[in-house]
Amino acid sequence: MLVERFGCRVTVMVGGLLSGLGMAMSALARTITDIYVTSGITGLGFCLSFQPSVTIMGHYFERRRVFANALSSTGTALGLSTLPLIANILLSSFGWRGSFLILGGVLLNCCVCGAVMRPLGPASGPNKPKHSQVLDKPNNIPLQQERKGLTGHVKTVLCDIVAFLHRHLAFDLLVSNVRYRAFAVGVTWMMLGCVVPLVYLVPYATHNNMEIGRAAFLMSIMGLVNIAVRPVAALVLGLPRFRGSSSFVYVFAFAVLLNGLSNCICGASASFKVLLLYVVIFGLSMSVAGSLLFTVLMDTVEMSRFPSALGLLCMLESGTLLIGPPLAGILVDSTGQYAYVFYACTVCVSSAGLFLMVSFYFLDCKREAEKKKKKKKSVKMPSDLYQKPVITLANDDQCSHVASKGRNSENTVYVTSV
């Protein structure tokens, strides 16, 4: 809603201000409750900075959109690889309060990033957002219904709320756009076990008598794989042969499937060589899936509805993202084995990949069948394409220009002598 009202530049700058302010205020915390409050402010700033930055990429690029999205996602991998190391250095040098202050200053650079986002002109033509009639005209409720006192006011408020939800939370897309619905369900289910291996990999390795340094080195290797693969994926997927292709969703689904199946490798053995193979495959598949996530979403919905569609998708996947690690912790506490966590992640993530593959294949087949059906209806019958000539008798010095009704005069033959 803020993106549609104020634009991406202002929204990102406000998000950078909130995230930096929340992080800096954490340095003044005295209880864990204070940390919860300041973390909420920081998280709100992250949300306001993240979604507009993805949205503006879709508006800036069309022909090279896949390349731009894949290349921009490299920043995520770079940050995940370097920030833990930087945070440890800051913690040892300045303490946790000083670290919060410095990181708050770093987050203020999001305001600089937002300032360089050139605003686009107002949408017009087919790309102009079409607001709901209920939202634009709240008075479309019958006047007699509004005069019914409290009942009329309640109904009016409810109608406005429904219109707001349909417009800004993309609930109407969940109902009307079956491709978006399938994609949202698949991604939401995938997030239940997507990040759990990142949380439990190091504890799993140390639980099996691996040194903490070597276990942390595995996470660094995963980050390096992401940094190396995402630019390559951007170059390959941005080639002209892939532009305008509808196969990105299948590449994304296959990467998700491979990512889920790779967790079986981790659950099979905890030796360093096996885990090294695991982080390479996991990082490779995660890089491809992360590069195509927003590209597939942009191909699924219109760009005028992309901000609200992305917002709803983030809300849905955040729920499963939040409950995934605690559920894994319960599984570890009840069984005493970390391997079951990775097997559970295999089931969740790989089933999401299979669901996306099957769903979009079925929808594509249905779309092709409808196109062929429309094409057959649009083809004219031979009797309509070819008409018999009309013969009209006329005198030698006079030609009668008479043609049958509804027929082209070019099909008329004039005979002047018999």
Protein backbone atom coordinates (compact mmCIF):
# COMPACT_ATOMS: atom_id res chain seq x y z
CA MET A 1 0.00 0.00 0.00
CA LEU A 2 2.84 2.40 0.80
CA VAL A 3 4.56 1.56 -2.49
CA GLU A 4 1.42 2.34 -4.46
CA ARG A 5 0.82 5.55 -2.50
CA PHE A 6 4.32 7.01 -2.06
CA GLY A 7 6.55 4.98 -4.39
CA CYS A 8 9.50 2.68 -3.79
CA ARG A 9 12.03 5.43 -2.99
CA VAL A 10 10.18 6.88 0.00
CA THR A 11 9.17 3.46 1.34
CA VAL A 12 12.74 2.13 1.26
CA MET A 13 14.09 5.26 2.95
CA VAL A 14 11.49 5.00 5.72
CA GLY A 15 12.38 1.32 6.11
CA GLY A 16 16.08 2.13 6.39
CA LEU A 17 15.34 4.77 9.03
CA LEU A 18 13.21 2.37 11.08
CA SER A 19 15.69 -0.52 10.84
CA GLY A 20 18.64 1.67 11.83
CA LEU A 21 16.69 3.28 14.66
CA GLY A 22 15.49 -0.07 16.01
CA MET A 23 18.97 -1.58 15.91
CA ALA A 24 20.51 1.45 17.62
CA MET A 25 17.80 1.46 20.30
CA SER A 26 18.72 -2.15 21.10
CA ALA A 27 21.97 -0.83 22.55
CA LEU A 28 19.90 0.85 25.28
CA ALA A 29 17.90 -2.26 26.19
CA ARG A 30 17.88 -3.43 29.80
CA THR A 31 15.52 -6.41 29.57
CA ILE A 32 14.66 -9.06 27.01
CA THR A 33 11.29 -7.33 26.58
CA ASP A 34 13.10 -4.24 25.33
CA ILE A 35 14.93 -6.41 22.78
CA TYR A 36 11.58 -7.77 21.57
CA VAL A 37 10.25 -4.25 21.03
CA THR A 38 13.34 -2.93 19.26
CA SER A 39 13.59 -6.09 17.17
CA GLY A 40 10.00 -5.51 16.04
CA ILE A 41 10.90 -2.00 14.91
CA THR A 42 13.98 -3.32 13.09
CA GLY A 43 11.99 -6.09 11.43
CA LEU A 44 9.36 -3.59 10.26
CA GLY A 45 12.12 -1.55 8.68
CA PHE A 46 13.49 -4.65 6.96
CA CYS A 47 10.06 -5.37 5.47
CA LEU A 48 9.63 -1.82 4.17
CA SER A 49 13.10 -1.95 2.59
CA PHE A 50 12.94 -5.45 1.10
CA GLN A 51 9.63 -5.54 -0.76
CA PRO A 52 10.01 -2.22 -2.65
CA SER A 53 13.55 -3.14 -3.70
CA VAL A 54 12.21 -6.29 -5.36
CA THR A 55 9.27 -4.42 -6.87
CA ILE A 56 11.44 -1.71 -8.45
CA MET A 57 13.52 -4.38 -10.20
CA GLY A 58 10.44 -5.58 -12.04
CA HIS A 59 9.65 -2.04 -13.18
CA TYR A 60 13.19 -1.17 -14.22
CA PHE A 61 13.80 -4.31 -16.27
CA GLU A 62 11.65 -6.23 -18.70
CA ARG A 63 13.88 -7.77 -21.36
CA ARG A 64 16.68 -8.56 -18.88
CA ARG A 65 14.46 -9.07 -15.85
CA VAL A 66 15.71 -12.59 -15.12
CA PHE A 67 19.32 -11.48 -15.22
CA ALA A 68 18.62 -8.48 -12.98
CA ASN A 69 16.73 -10.50 -10.36
CA ALA A 70 19.33 -13.25 -10.27
CA LEU A 71 22.22 -10.80 -10.02
CA SER A 72 20.58 -8.69 -7.34
CA SER A 73 19.96 -11.77 -5.19
CA THR A 74 23.74 -12.21 -4.98
CA GLY A 75 23.73 -9.50 -2.33
CA THR A 76 21.77 -11.79 -0.05
CA ALA A 77 24.42 -14.48 -0.29
CA LEU A 78 27.19 -11.96 0.22
CA GLY A 79 25.55 -10.58 3.33
CA LEU A 80 24.86 -14.01 4.81
CA SER A 81 28.51 -14.94 4.33
CA THR A 82 30.16 -11.79 5.67
CA LEU A 83 27.83 -10.37 8.33
CA PRO A 84 28.30 -13.20 10.89
CA LEU A 85 32.07 -12.71 10.68
CA ILE A 86 31.74 -8.93 10.96
CA ALA A 87 29.34 -9.29 13.89
CA ASN A 88 31.79 -11.51 15.78
CA ILE A 89 34.60 -8.99 15.24
CA LEU A 90 32.40 -6.14 16.46
CA LEU A 91 31.27 -8.14 19.47
CA SER A 92 34.82 -8.89 20.56
CA SER A 93 35.97 -5.30 20.01
CA PHE A 94 33.05 -3.12 21.14
CA GLY A 95 30.73 -5.40 23.12
CA TRP A 96 27.11 -6.08 22.31
CA ARG A 97 25.91 -2.53 22.96
CA GLY A 98 28.55 -1.00 20.74
CA SER A 99 27.87 -3.63 18.08
CA PHE A 100 24.19 -2.71 18.03
CA LEU A 101 25.05 0.97 17.57
CA ILE A 102 27.47 0.28 14.71
CA LEU A 103 25.07 -2.09 12.95
CA GLY A 104 22.34 0.52 13.33
CA GLY A 105 24.55 3.01 11.51
CA VAL A 106 25.21 0.43 8.80
CA LEU A 107 21.48 -0.11 8.33
CA LEU A 108 20.97 3.61 7.80
CA ASN A 109 22.69 3.09 4.44
CA CYS A 110 19.38 1.60 3.29
CA CYS A 111 18.22 5.23 3.11
CA VAL A 112 21.03 5.89 0.63
CA CYS A 113 20.00 2.83 -1.39
CA GLY A 114 16.43 4.08 -1.45
CA ALA A 115 17.50 7.59 -2.49
CA VAL A 116 19.12 6.31 -5.69
CA MET A 117 15.95 4.49 -6.77
CA ARG A 118 14.70 6.69 -9.59
CA PRO A 119 10.93 7.11 -9.33
CA LEU A 120 8.92 5.91 -12.30
CA GLY A 121 6.09 7.87 -13.86
CA PRO A 122 2.53 7.13 -12.85
CA ALA A 123 1.13 3.98 -14.36
CA SER A 124 -1.11 4.48 -17.34
CA GLY A 125 -2.88 2.39 -19.90
CA PRO A 126 -3.07 -1.35 -19.39
CA ASN A 127 -0.52 -1.28 -16.54
CA LYS A 128 -2.52 1.14 -14.46
CA PRO A 129 -3.85 -0.53 -11.31
CA LYS A 130 -7.53 -1.14 -11.47
CA HIS A 131 -8.97 -0.34 -8.09
CA SER A 132 -11.89 -2.24 -6.78
CA GLN A 133 -15.22 -0.65 -7.43
CA VAL A 134 -16.12 -1.10 -3.79
CA LEU A 135 -12.95 0.70 -2.73
CA ASP A 136 -13.30 3.56 -5.21
CA LYS A 137 -17.01 3.99 -4.65
CA PRO A 138 -17.95 3.06 -1.11
CA ASN A 139 -21.35 4.60 -1.69
CA ASN A 140 -22.36 1.88 -4.14
CA ILE A 141 -24.26 0.25 -1.25
CA PRO A 142 -27.95 1.03 -1.61
CA LEU A 143 -28.93 4.21 0.16
CA GLN A 144 -31.76 2.49 2.04
CA GLN A 145 -29.25 0.02 3.46
CA GLU A 146 -27.04 2.84 4.75
CA ARG A 147 -29.96 4.45 6.53
CA LYS A 148 -30.58 1.45 8.71
CA GLY A 149 -28.58 2.90 11.55
CA LEU A 150 -25.93 0.77 13.20
CA THR A 151 -26.52 -2.22 10.90
CA GLY A 152 -25.92 -0.09 7.82
CA HIS A 153 -22.70 1.38 9.24
CA VAL A 154 -21.41 -2.07 10.17
CA LYS A 155 -22.12 -3.40 6.69
CA THR A 156 -20.43 -0.37 5.14
CA VAL A 157 -17.32 -0.85 7.26
CA LEU A 158 -17.21 -4.56 6.46
CA CYS A 159 -17.51 -3.87 2.73
CA ASP A 160 -14.66 -1.34 2.95
CA ILE A 161 -12.52 -3.82 4.86
CA VAL A 162 -13.17 -6.55 2.30
CA ALA A 163 -12.33 -4.15 -0.53
CA PHE A 164 -9.12 -3.12 1.24
CA LEU A 165 -8.07 -6.74 1.76
CA HIS A 166 -8.85 -7.65 -1.85
CA ARG A 167 -6.88 -4.70 -3.18
CA HIS A 168 -3.83 -4.46 -0.93
CA LEU A 169 -3.46 -8.02 0.37
CA ALA A 170 -4.10 -9.68 -3.01
CA PHE A 171 -6.83 -11.95 -1.66
CA ASP A 172 -8.61 -11.52 -4.98
CA LEU A 173 -5.55 -12.99 -6.73
CA LEU A 174 -5.79 -16.08 -4.56
CA VAL A 175 -9.34 -16.53 -5.79
CA SER A 176 -9.04 -15.51 -9.45
CA ASN A 177 -5.45 -16.40 -10.42
CA VAL A 178 -4.99 -20.15 -10.13
CA ARG A 179 -1.29 -19.98 -11.07
CA TYR A 180 -0.59 -17.52 -8.27
CA ARG A 181 -2.56 -19.70 -5.87
CA ALA A 182 -0.52 -22.78 -6.79
CA PHE A 183 2.76 -20.87 -6.52
CA ALA A 184 1.84 -19.39 -3.14
CA VAL A 185 0.87 -22.79 -1.73
CA GLY A 186 4.08 -24.43 -3.01
CA VAL A 187 6.41 -21.70 -1.73
CA THR A 188 4.65 -21.50 1.64
CA TRP A 189 4.98 -25.25 2.15
CA MET A 190 8.61 -25.15 0.97
CA MET A 191 9.53 -22.56 3.61
CA LEU A 192 8.54 -24.97 6.38
CA GLY A 193 11.78 -26.88 5.87
CA CYS A 194 13.87 -24.60 3.67
CA VAL A 195 15.91 -22.75 6.30
CA VAL A 196 15.84 -25.40 9.04
CA PRO A 197 19.07 -27.05 7.74
CA LEU A 198 20.85 -23.69 8.06
CA VAL A 199 19.87 -23.56 11.74
CA TYR A 200 20.73 -27.16 12.66
CA LEU A 201 23.73 -27.95 10.46
CA VAL A 202 26.38 -26.75 12.93
CA PRO A 203 24.71 -28.33 16.00
CA TYR A 204 24.32 -31.58 14.04
CA ALA A 205 28.03 -31.60 13.15
CA THR A 206 29.21 -30.77 16.68
CA HIS A 207 26.81 -33.34 18.14
CA ASN A 208 28.71 -35.94 16.09
CA ASN A 209 32.11 -34.91 17.55
CA MET A 210 33.17 -32.44 14.82
CA GLU A 211 35.20 -29.43 15.88
CA ILE A 212 33.26 -26.18 16.04
CA GLY A 213 35.72 -24.51 13.66
CA ARG A 214 35.23 -27.11 10.94
CA ALA A 215 31.47 -27.05 11.43
CA ALA A 216 31.39 -23.26 11.02
CA PHE A 217 33.62 -23.63 7.95
CA LEU A 218 30.83 -25.62 6.29
CA MET A 219 28.52 -22.62 6.57
CA SER A 220 31.20 -20.42 5.02
CA ILE A 221 31.53 -22.83 2.10
CA MET A 222 27.78 -22.71 1.57
CA GLY A 223 27.94 -18.93 1.45
CA LEU A 224 30.82 -19.00 -1.02
CA VAL A 225 28.88 -21.40 -3.25
CA ASN A 226 25.96 -18.96 -3.23
CA ILE A 227 28.22 -16.05 -4.11
CA ALA A 228 29.82 -17.96 -6.98
CA VAL A 229 26.69 -19.59 -8.42
CA ARG A 230 24.19 -16.73 -8.37
CA PRO A 231 26.08 -14.51 -10.86
CA VAL A 232 26.59 -17.53 -13.12
CA ALA A 233 22.89 -18.32 -12.88
CA ALA A 234 22.16 -14.70 -13.75
CA LEU A 235 24.31 -14.94 -16.89
CA VAL A 236 22.89 -18.28 -18.04
CA LEU A 237 19.23 -17.50 -17.33
CA GLY A 238 19.60 -14.07 -18.89
CA LEU A 239 20.64 -15.44 -22.30
CA PRO A 240 18.37 -14.51 -25.24
CA ARG A 241 17.22 -18.10 -25.68
CA PHE A 242 15.64 -18.02 -22.22
CA ARG A 243 13.91 -14.65 -22.60
CA GLY A 244 10.17 -14.90 -22.75
CA SER A 245 10.35 -18.56 -21.87
CA SER A 246 7.78 -20.19 -19.60
CA SER A 247 10.23 -22.78 -18.34
CA PHE A 248 11.54 -20.72 -15.42
CA VAL A 249 8.95 -22.17 -13.08
CA TYR A 250 10.10 -25.71 -13.94
CA VAL A 251 13.75 -24.78 -13.35
CA PHE A 252 12.71 -23.27 -10.03
CA ALA A 253 10.69 -26.36 -9.08
CA PHE A 254 13.55 -28.69 -10.03
CA ALA A 255 15.97 -26.65 -7.92
CA VAL A 256 13.56 -26.88 -4.97
CA LEU A 257 13.25 -30.64 -5.49
CA LEU A 258 17.05 -31.06 -5.59
CA ASN A 259 17.40 -28.88 -2.51
CA GLY A 260 15.01 -31.10 -0.59
CA LEU A 261 16.59 -34.36 -1.69
CA SER A 262 20.06 -33.13 -0.73
CA ASN A 263 19.01 -33.19 2.94
CA CYS A 264 19.06 -36.99 2.76
CA ILE A 265 22.84 -36.77 2.25
CA CYS A 266 23.20 -34.82 5.47
CA GLY A 267 21.02 -37.23 7.42
CA ALA A 268 22.93 -40.27 6.15
CA SER A 269 26.31 -39.34 7.63
CA ALA A 270 27.94 -36.60 9.70
CA SER A 271 31.52 -36.94 8.42
CA PHE A 272 33.19 -33.82 7.09
CA LYS A 273 33.46 -35.11 3.50
CA VAL A 274 29.79 -36.05 3.34
CA LEU A 275 28.70 -32.74 4.84
CA LEU A 276 31.01 -30.91 2.42
CA LEU A 277 29.23 -32.60 -0.50
CA TYR A 278 25.92 -31.71 1.10
CA VAL A 279 26.63 -27.98 1.49
CA VAL A 280 27.83 -27.75 -2.13
CA ILE A 281 24.66 -29.36 -3.53
CA PHE A 282 22.44 -27.50 -1.07
CA GLY A 283 24.09 -24.17 -1.88
CA LEU A 284 23.89 -24.80 -5.63
CA SER A 285 20.19 -25.61 -5.61
CA MET A 286 19.44 -22.83 -3.16
CA SER A 287 21.20 -20.30 -5.43
CA VAL A 288 19.16 -21.25 -8.50
CA ALA A 289 15.89 -21.28 -6.57
CA GLY A 290 16.66 -17.93 -4.94
CA SER A 291 17.55 -16.39 -8.30
CA LEU A 292 14.22 -17.39 -9.87
CA LEU A 293 11.79 -16.95 -6.97
CA PHE A 294 10.74 -13.39 -7.77
CA THR A 295 11.09 -13.85 -11.53
CA VAL A 296 8.49 -16.61 -11.49
CA LEU A 297 6.21 -14.44 -9.37
CA MET A 298 6.56 -11.56 -11.86
CA ASP A 299 5.59 -13.92 -14.68
CA THR A 300 2.61 -15.19 -12.69
CA VAL A 301 0.89 -11.86 -11.92
CA GLU A 302 0.68 -8.49 -13.61
CA MET A 303 3.30 -5.95 -12.57
CA SER A 304 0.55 -3.59 -11.42
CA ARG A 305 -0.43 -6.20 -8.81
CA PHE A 306 3.08 -7.42 -8.02
CA PRO A 307 3.58 -5.38 -4.79
CA SER A 308 0.41 -6.73 -3.19
CA ALA A 309 1.07 -10.25 -4.51
CA LEU A 310 4.58 -10.19 -3.05
CA GLY A 311 3.28 -8.84 0.24
CA LEU A 312 0.74 -11.64 0.61
CA LEU A 313 3.32 -14.26 -0.37
CA CYS A 314 5.76 -12.93 2.24
CA MET A 315 3.03 -13.05 4.89
CA LEU A 316 2.13 -16.64 4.07
CA GLU A 317 5.69 -17.94 3.89
CA SER A 318 6.70 -16.08 7.05
CA GLY A 319 4.23 -18.17 9.02
CA THR A 320 5.81 -21.48 8.03
CA LEU A 321 9.25 -19.92 8.22
CA LEU A 322 8.55 -19.02 11.84
CA ILE A 323 7.24 -22.39 13.01
CA GLY A 324 9.76 -24.56 11.10
CA PRO A 325 12.76 -24.34 13.47
CA PRO A 326 10.69 -24.78 16.68
CA LEU A 327 9.02 -27.88 15.22
CA ALA A 328 12.46 -29.22 14.35
CA GLY A 329 13.58 -28.53 17.91
CA ILE A 330 10.65 -30.50 19.28
CA LEU A 331 11.59 -33.37 16.98
CA VAL A 332 15.19 -33.33 18.24
CA ASP A 333 14.09 -33.22 21.87
CA SER A 334 11.69 -36.11 21.45
CA THR A 335 14.01 -38.39 19.44
CA GLY A 336 17.47 -37.25 20.49
CA GLN A 337 18.61 -37.45 16.84
CA TYR A 338 19.35 -34.55 14.50
CA ALA A 339 19.14 -36.80 11.42
CA TYR A 340 15.34 -36.96 11.64
CA VAL A 341 15.21 -33.19 11.21
CA PHE A 342 16.95 -33.40 7.84
CA TYR A 343 14.73 -36.27 6.72
CA ALA A 344 11.67 -34.21 7.64
CA CYS A 345 13.07 -31.30 5.63
CA THR A 346 13.50 -33.66 2.69
CA VAL A 347 9.81 -34.52 2.78
CA CYS A 348 8.65 -30.90 3.08
CA VAL A 349 10.89 -29.26 0.47
CA SER A 350 10.91 -32.04 -2.14
CA SER A 351 7.12 -32.43 -1.96
CA ALA A 352 6.80 -28.68 -2.55
CA GLY A 353 8.99 -28.97 -5.64
CA LEU A 354 6.94 -31.86 -6.98
CA PHE A 355 3.72 -29.98 -6.29
CA LEU A 356 4.93 -26.95 -8.27
CA MET A 357 6.04 -29.13 -11.19
CA VAL A 358 2.79 -31.06 -11.44
CA SER A 359 0.56 -28.03 -10.85
CA PHE A 360 2.13 -25.80 -13.48
CA TYR A 361 2.39 -28.65 -15.99
CA PHE A 362 -1.33 -29.29 -15.59
CA LEU A 363 -2.12 -25.57 -15.87
CA ASP A 364 0.07 -25.21 -18.97
CA CYS A 365 -1.62 -28.17 -20.63
CA LYS A 366 -5.01 -26.69 -19.82
CA ARG A 367 -3.96 -23.33 -21.25
CA GLU A 368 -2.72 -24.91 -24.48
CA ALA A 369 -5.95 -26.85 -24.84
CA GLU A 370 -7.96 -23.64 -24.46
CA LYS A 371 -5.78 -21.88 -27.05
CA LYS A 372 -6.30 -24.68 -29.56
CA LYS A 373 -10.03 -24.63 -28.90
CA LYS A 374 -10.21 -20.88 -29.52
CA LYS A 375 -8.07 -21.22 -32.64
CA LYS A 376 -10.44 -23.80 -34.10
CA LYS A 377 -13.42 -21.55 -33.44
CA SER A 378 -11.71 -18.59 -35.13
CA VAL A 379 -11.01 -20.52 -38.39
CA LYS A 380 -13.62 -19.75 -41.06
CA MET A 381 -15.44 -22.47 -42.91
CA PRO A 382 -14.44 -23.03 -46.58
CA SER A 383 -17.92 -22.01 -47.72
CA ASP A 384 -17.35 -18.61 -46.17
CA LEU A 385 -13.89 -18.18 -47.69
CA TYR A 386 -14.81 -19.12 -51.26
CA GLN A 387 -17.96 -17.83 -52.93
CA LYS A 388 -19.41 -18.82 -56.28
CA PRO A 389 -19.34 -16.11 -58.96
CA VAL A 390 -22.60 -14.38 -59.91
CA ILE A 391 -23.43 -14.17 -63.65
CA THR A 392 -25.43 -11.14 -64.79
CA LEU A 393 -26.63 -10.66 -68.38
CA ALA A 394 -26.22 -7.21 -69.88
CA ASN A 395 -26.48 -5.43 -73.26
CA ASP A 396 -23.46 -4.78 -75.44
CA ASP A 397 -23.47 -1.09 -74.66
CA GLN A 398 -24.60 -1.30 -71.12
CA CYS A 399 -23.28 -3.22 -68.19
CA SER A 400 -25.53 -3.89 -65.23
CA HIS A 401 -23.69 -3.54 -61.95
CA VAL A 402 -25.95 -5.75 -59.93
CA ALA A 403 -24.52 -8.04 -57.27
CA SER A 404 -26.26 -10.32 -54.89
CA LYS A 405 -26.76 -9.03 -51.40
CA GLY A 406 -23.99 -9.77 -48.96
CA ARG A 407 -21.49 -10.80 -51.67
CA ASN A 408 -18.42 -9.01 -52.89
CA SER A 409 -18.79 -7.32 -56.28
CA GLU A 410 -15.41 -8.73 -57.31
CA ASN A 411 -17.06 -12.14 -57.56
CA THR A 412 -19.58 -10.86 -60.15
CA VAL A 413 -19.00 -11.74 -63.84
CA TYR A 414 -20.68 -9.59 -66.48
CA VAL A 415 -21.66 -11.24 -69.82
CA THR A 416 -22.30 -8.90 -72.74
CA SER A 417 -23.01 -11.51 -75.44
CA VAL A 418 -24.24 -15.05 -75.43
